[in-house]
Amino acid sequence: MNFNNLIKERVSYRGKYLEEPVSRANLKIIMEAGLAAPSGCNRQTTSIVAVDDSNLLAQIRPLIKRVGSTAPALIFVLSEKIVSYHGNCYSVQDYSAAIENMLLQITDLGYASCWVEGYMTDFKDGVGKHIAEILKLDPKYELVCCLPVGKPAEEIKRVEKKPFEERAWFNLRK
């Protein structure tokens, strides 16, 4: 698929997934796409964990409850706060770029996904902290996002985007 069509084809899928597994080879391709994203001052603050083990999925799925709880694979995005220069940290920008790369790669491989962040990080003891414990993550990492990956079991619903003219312009807005 050409790149422009790929961008327009990507959607946030919030439905159920088929039980069809996602191959490790495809998970690696997706993760490599995330790691290829730009990184502020090349600090490479983003790390990625793919979960396809049925025992781990059985422990994690009840915590997710909502979007992605039936996905055959889950990709967790981890962020590490590493200061660049003058006290700046670009970890949010870094993991955002990595997530978008992975979402595009997921779409290109024929799978569906959704950027699930809010309830992973919104609360002091949010779902992300519990999943981090299950995955035995080093405390230096914050689990910031989950990308469920799989073949959609339901019809994909597309939302209408606002017209170009409402959200973009050249030079001064008239």
C-alpha atoms as a PDB file:
ATOM      1  CA  MET A   1       0.000   0.000   0.000  1.00  0.00           C
ATOM      2  CA  ASN A   2       1.396   3.418  -0.773  1.00  0.00           C
ATOM      3  CA  PHE A   3       2.294   5.493   2.262  1.00  0.00           C
ATOM      4  CA  ASN A   4      -0.379   8.162   1.846  1.00  0.00           C
ATOM      5  CA  ASN A   5      -3.096   5.481   1.599  1.00  0.00           C
ATOM      6  CA  LEU A   6      -1.613   3.674   4.603  1.00  0.00           C
ATOM      7  CA  ILE A   7      -1.907   6.816   6.724  1.00  0.00           C
ATOM      8  CA  LYS A   8      -5.546   7.246   5.691  1.00  0.00           C
ATOM      9  CA  GLU A   9      -6.319   3.545   6.183  1.00  0.00           C
ATOM     10  CA  ARG A  10      -5.172   3.465   9.822  1.00  0.00           C
ATOM     11  CA  VAL A  11      -8.007   3.603  12.336  1.00  0.00           C
ATOM     12  CA  SER A  12      -8.377   3.150  16.072  1.00  0.00           C
ATOM     13  CA  TYR A  13     -10.040  -0.244  16.398  1.00  0.00           C
ATOM     14  CA  ARG A  14     -11.897  -0.785  19.666  1.00  0.00           C
ATOM     15  CA  GLY A  15     -13.732  -4.030  18.864  1.00  0.00           C
ATOM     16  CA  LYS A  16     -13.118  -7.687  19.585  1.00  0.00           C
ATOM     17  CA  TYR A  17     -10.274  -9.603  17.977  1.00  0.00           C
ATOM     18  CA  LEU A  18     -10.133 -13.001  16.308  1.00  0.00           C
ATOM     19  CA  GLU A  19      -8.215 -15.671  18.232  1.00  0.00           C
ATOM     20  CA  GLU A  20      -5.753 -15.951  15.340  1.00  0.00           C
ATOM     21  CA  PRO A  21      -2.207 -15.481  16.734  1.00  0.00           C
ATOM     22  CA  VAL A  22       0.148 -12.746  15.591  1.00  0.00           C
ATOM     23  CA  SER A  23       3.441 -14.262  14.508  1.00  0.00           C
ATOM     24  CA  ARG A  24       6.612 -13.392  16.386  1.00  0.00           C
ATOM     25  CA  ALA A  25       8.104 -12.323  13.057  1.00  0.00           C
ATOM     26  CA  ASN A  26       5.322  -9.760  12.599  1.00  0.00           C
ATOM     27  CA  LEU A  27       5.566  -8.595  16.218  1.00  0.00           C
ATOM     28  CA  LYS A  28       9.284  -8.026  15.698  1.00  0.00           C
ATOM     29  CA  ILE A  29       8.610  -6.021  12.506  1.00  0.00           C
ATOM     30  CA  ILE A  30       6.124  -3.863  14.435  1.00  0.00           C
ATOM     31  CA  MET A  31       8.520  -3.342  17.343  1.00  0.00           C
ATOM     32  CA  GLU A  32      11.397  -2.492  14.990  1.00  0.00           C
ATOM     33  CA  ALA A  33       9.184   0.169  13.382  1.00  0.00           C
ATOM     34  CA  GLY A  34       8.653   1.693  16.830  1.00  0.00           C
ATOM     35  CA  LEU A  35      12.334   1.661  17.663  1.00  0.00           C
ATOM     36  CA  ALA A  36      13.142   3.327  14.311  1.00  0.00           C
ATOM     37  CA  ALA A  37      11.186   6.448  15.337  1.00  0.00           C
ATOM     38  CA  PRO A  38      13.036   9.705  15.903  1.00  0.00           C
ATOM     39  CA  SER A  39      14.183  10.420  19.440  1.00  0.00           C
ATOM     40  CA  GLY A  40      14.954  13.806  21.016  1.00  0.00           C
ATOM     41  CA  CYS A  41      18.730  14.252  21.186  1.00  0.00           C
ATOM     42  CA  ASN A  42      18.939  10.541  20.346  1.00  0.00           C
ATOM     43  CA  ARG A  43      18.326   9.636  24.005  1.00  0.00           C
ATOM     44  CA  GLN A  44      16.178   6.661  22.891  1.00  0.00           C
ATOM     45  CA  THR A  45      13.866   6.869  25.888  1.00  0.00           C
ATOM     46  CA  THR A  46      11.308   4.381  24.520  1.00  0.00           C
ATOM     47  CA  SER A  47      11.397   0.624  25.071  1.00  0.00           C
ATOM     48  CA  ILE A  48       8.842  -1.943  23.944  1.00  0.00           C
ATOM     49  CA  VAL A  49       7.563  -5.276  25.293  1.00  0.00           C
ATOM     50  CA  ALA A  50       5.381  -7.595  23.214  1.00  0.00           C
ATOM     51  CA  VAL A  51       3.254 -10.101  25.115  1.00  0.00           C
ATOM     52  CA  ASP A  52       1.963 -13.168  23.284  1.00  0.00           C
ATOM     53  CA  ASP A  53       2.360 -15.764  26.047  1.00  0.00           C
ATOM     54  CA  SER A  54      -1.056 -17.182  26.961  1.00  0.00           C
ATOM     55  CA  ASN A  55      -0.259 -17.302  30.707  1.00  0.00           C
ATOM     56  CA  LEU A  56       0.789 -13.634  30.787  1.00  0.00           C
ATOM     57  CA  LEU A  57      -2.182 -12.625  28.631  1.00  0.00           C
ATOM     58  CA  ALA A  58      -4.496 -14.424  31.077  1.00  0.00           C
ATOM     59  CA  GLN A  59      -3.065 -12.328  33.933  1.00  0.00           C
ATOM     60  CA  ILE A  60      -3.165  -9.041  32.033  1.00  0.00           C
ATOM     61  CA  ARG A  61      -6.500  -9.230  30.211  1.00  0.00           C
ATOM     62  CA  PRO A  62      -8.669  -8.878  33.341  1.00  0.00           C
ATOM     63  CA  LEU A  63      -6.843  -5.625  34.118  1.00  0.00           C
ATOM     64  CA  ILE A  64      -7.473  -4.205  30.663  1.00  0.00           C
ATOM     65  CA  LYS A  65     -11.219  -4.975  30.589  1.00  0.00           C
ATOM     66  CA  ARG A  66     -11.905  -2.557  27.760  1.00  0.00           C
ATOM     67  CA  VAL A  67     -10.183  -1.950  24.455  1.00  0.00           C
ATOM     68  CA  GLY A  68      -7.940  -4.811  23.435  1.00  0.00           C
ATOM     69  CA  SER A  69      -8.865  -7.352  26.091  1.00  0.00           C
ATOM     70  CA  THR A  70      -9.404 -10.044  23.420  1.00  0.00           C
ATOM     71  CA  ALA A  71      -6.301  -9.290  21.328  1.00  0.00           C
ATOM     72  CA  PRO A  72      -3.940 -12.241  20.765  1.00  0.00           C
ATOM     73  CA  ALA A  73      -0.938  -9.958  21.334  1.00  0.00           C
ATOM     74  CA  LEU A  74      -0.336  -6.821  23.350  1.00  0.00           C
ATOM     75  CA  ILE A  75       2.513  -4.404  22.825  1.00  0.00           C
ATOM     76  CA  PHE A  76       3.420  -2.273  25.823  1.00  0.00           C
ATOM     77  CA  VAL A  77       5.307   0.969  25.359  1.00  0.00           C
ATOM     78  CA  LEU A  78       7.695   1.928  28.130  1.00  0.00           C
ATOM     79  CA  SER A  79       9.161   5.351  28.748  1.00  0.00           C
ATOM     80  CA  GLU A  80      12.313   6.247  30.579  1.00  0.00           C
ATOM     81  CA  LYS A  81      12.820   9.803  31.811  1.00  0.00           C
ATOM     82  CA  ILE A  82      16.251  10.720  30.498  1.00  0.00           C
ATOM     83  CA  VAL A  83      17.236  14.380  30.604  1.00  0.00           C
ATOM     84  CA  SER A  84      18.821  15.711  27.408  1.00  0.00           C
ATOM     85  CA  TYR A  85      20.220  19.182  27.866  1.00  0.00           C
ATOM     86  CA  HIS A  86      19.195  22.252  29.871  1.00  0.00           C
ATOM     87  CA  GLY A  87      16.964  19.945  31.922  1.00  0.00           C
ATOM     88  CA  ASN A  88      14.752  19.001  28.951  1.00  0.00           C
ATOM     89  CA  CYS A  89      13.275  15.538  28.553  1.00  0.00           C
ATOM     90  CA  TYR A  90      11.624  14.459  25.322  1.00  0.00           C
ATOM     91  CA  SER A  91      10.267  11.082  26.405  1.00  0.00           C
ATOM     92  CA  VAL A  92       6.619  11.937  25.590  1.00  0.00           C
ATOM     93  CA  GLN A  93       7.566  13.005  22.068  1.00  0.00           C
ATOM     94  CA  ASP A  94       9.776   9.925  21.703  1.00  0.00           C
ATOM     95  CA  TYR A  95       7.140   7.388  22.668  1.00  0.00           C
ATOM     96  CA  SER A  96       4.468   9.211  20.660  1.00  0.00           C
ATOM     97  CA  ALA A  97       6.562   8.908  17.500  1.00  0.00           C
ATOM     98  CA  ALA A  98       7.267   5.230  18.265  1.00  0.00           C
ATOM     99  CA  ILE A  99       3.570   4.505  18.781  1.00  0.00           C
ATOM    100  CA  GLU A 100       2.566   6.131  15.487  1.00  0.00           C
ATOM    101  CA  ASN A 101       5.233   4.167  13.613  1.00  0.00           C
ATOM    102  CA  MET A 102       3.933   0.941  15.153  1.00  0.00           C
ATOM    103  CA  LEU A 103       0.286   1.791  14.407  1.00  0.00           C
ATOM    104  CA  LEU A 104       1.163   2.354  10.757  1.00  0.00           C
ATOM    105  CA  GLN A 105       3.165  -0.886  10.622  1.00  0.00           C
ATOM    106  CA  ILE A 106       0.307  -2.796  12.284  1.00  0.00           C
ATOM    107  CA  THR A 107      -2.072  -1.477   9.615  1.00  0.00           C
ATOM    108  CA  ASP A 108       0.363  -2.308   6.824  1.00  0.00           C
ATOM    109  CA  LEU A 109       0.574  -5.918   8.047  1.00  0.00           C
ATOM    110  CA  GLY A 110      -3.231  -6.245   7.958  1.00  0.00           C
ATOM    111  CA  TYR A 111      -3.869  -6.092  11.697  1.00  0.00           C
ATOM    112  CA  ALA A 112      -5.905  -3.655  13.773  1.00  0.00           C
ATOM    113  CA  SER A 113      -4.990  -1.741  16.921  1.00  0.00           C
ATOM    114  CA  CYS A 114      -5.751   1.259  19.081  1.00  0.00           C
ATOM    115  CA  TRP A 115      -3.540   3.619  21.087  1.00  0.00           C
ATOM    116  CA  VAL A 116      -4.622   2.812  24.661  1.00  0.00           C
ATOM    117  CA  GLU A 117      -3.000   5.205  27.099  1.00  0.00           C
ATOM    118  CA  GLY A 118      -5.432   7.049  29.383  1.00  0.00           C
ATOM    119  CA  TYR A 119      -6.381   4.406  31.882  1.00  0.00           C
ATOM    120  CA  MET A 120      -2.843   2.991  31.775  1.00  0.00           C
ATOM    121  CA  THR A 121      -1.431   6.186  33.294  1.00  0.00           C
ATOM    122  CA  ASP A 122      -4.309   8.343  34.617  1.00  0.00           C
ATOM    123  CA  PHE A 123      -4.210   7.187  38.215  1.00  0.00           C
ATOM    124  CA  LYS A 124      -1.453   6.912  40.801  1.00  0.00           C
ATOM    125  CA  ASP A 125      -1.937   3.158  40.952  1.00  0.00           C
ATOM    126  CA  GLY A 126      -3.225   2.822  37.392  1.00  0.00           C
ATOM    127  CA  VAL A 127      -3.518  -0.330  35.356  1.00  0.00           C
ATOM    128  CA  GLY A 128      -0.049   0.281  33.911  1.00  0.00           C
ATOM    129  CA  LYS A 129       1.593  -0.127  37.313  1.00  0.00           C
ATOM    130  CA  HIS A 130      -0.117  -3.476  37.854  1.00  0.00           C
ATOM    131  CA  ILE A 131       0.868  -4.697  34.397  1.00  0.00           C
ATOM    132  CA  ALA A 132       4.448  -3.515  35.014  1.00  0.00           C
ATOM    133  CA  GLU A 133       4.502  -5.709  38.136  1.00  0.00           C
ATOM    134  CA  ILE A 134       3.246  -8.726  36.182  1.00  0.00           C
ATOM    135  CA  LEU A 135       5.929  -8.132  33.548  1.00  0.00           C
ATOM    136  CA  LYS A 136       8.565  -7.616  36.253  1.00  0.00           C
ATOM    137  CA  LEU A 137       9.685  -4.349  34.683  1.00  0.00           C
ATOM    138  CA  ASP A 138      12.587  -2.379  36.066  1.00  0.00           C
ATOM    139  CA  PRO A 139      11.179   0.598  38.025  1.00  0.00           C
ATOM    140  CA  LYS A 140      13.098   2.998  35.774  1.00  0.00           C
ATOM    141  CA  TYR A 141      10.428   2.348  33.123  1.00  0.00           C
ATOM    142  CA  GLU A 142       6.948   3.818  33.129  1.00  0.00           C
ATOM    143  CA  LEU A 143       4.419   1.740  31.206  1.00  0.00           C
ATOM    144  CA  VAL A 144       2.634   4.424  29.183  1.00  0.00           C
ATOM    145  CA  CYS A 145       0.665   2.664  26.473  1.00  0.00           C
ATOM    146  CA  CYS A 146      -0.806  -0.591  25.283  1.00  0.00           C
ATOM    147  CA  LEU A 147      -1.277  -1.477  21.627  1.00  0.00           C
ATOM    148  CA  PRO A 148      -3.519  -4.511  21.203  1.00  0.00           C
ATOM    149  CA  VAL A 149      -2.648  -6.324  17.969  1.00  0.00           C
ATOM    150  CA  GLY A 150      -4.721  -8.788  15.996  1.00  0.00           C
ATOM    151  CA  LYS A 151      -7.220  -9.385  13.231  1.00  0.00           C
ATOM    152  CA  PRO A 152     -10.518  -7.584  13.827  1.00  0.00           C
ATOM    153  CA  ALA A 153     -13.539  -9.785  14.571  1.00  0.00           C
ATOM    154  CA  GLU A 154     -15.993  -6.933  13.991  1.00  0.00           C
ATOM    155  CA  GLU A 155     -16.567  -4.389  11.277  1.00  0.00           C
ATOM    156  CA  ILE A 156     -14.092  -1.538  11.468  1.00  0.00           C
ATOM    157  CA  LYS A 157     -15.855   1.763  12.046  1.00  0.00           C
ATOM    158  CA  ARG A 158     -14.314   4.833  10.515  1.00  0.00           C
ATOM    159  CA  VAL A 159     -14.844   8.301  11.899  1.00  0.00           C
ATOM    160  CA  GLU A 160     -15.049  11.310   9.659  1.00  0.00           C
ATOM    161  CA  LYS A 161     -12.141  13.673   9.906  1.00  0.00           C
ATOM    162  CA  LYS A 162     -12.773  17.399   9.921  1.00  0.00           C
ATOM    163  CA  PRO A 163     -12.070  19.089   6.578  1.00  0.00           C
ATOM    164  CA  PHE A 164      -8.503  20.116   5.843  1.00  0.00           C
ATOM    165  CA  GLU A 165      -9.461  23.807   5.806  1.00  0.00           C
ATOM    166  CA  GLU A 166     -10.689  23.648   9.432  1.00  0.00           C
ATOM    167  CA  ARG A 167      -7.448  22.309  10.790  1.00  0.00           C
ATOM    168  CA  ALA A 168      -4.662  23.411   8.459  1.00  0.00           C
ATOM    169  CA  TRP A 169      -3.722  26.513   6.471  1.00  0.00           C
ATOM    170  CA  PHE A 170      -0.846  28.266   4.793  1.00  0.00           C
ATOM    171  CA  ASN A 171       0.757  31.326   6.316  1.00  0.00           C
ATOM    172  CA  LEU A 172      -1.773  33.590   8.077  1.00  0.00           C
ATOM    173  CA  ARG A 173      -5.240  32.255   8.765  1.00  0.00           C
ATOM    174  CA  LYS A 174      -7.978  34.287   7.104  1.00  0.00           C
END
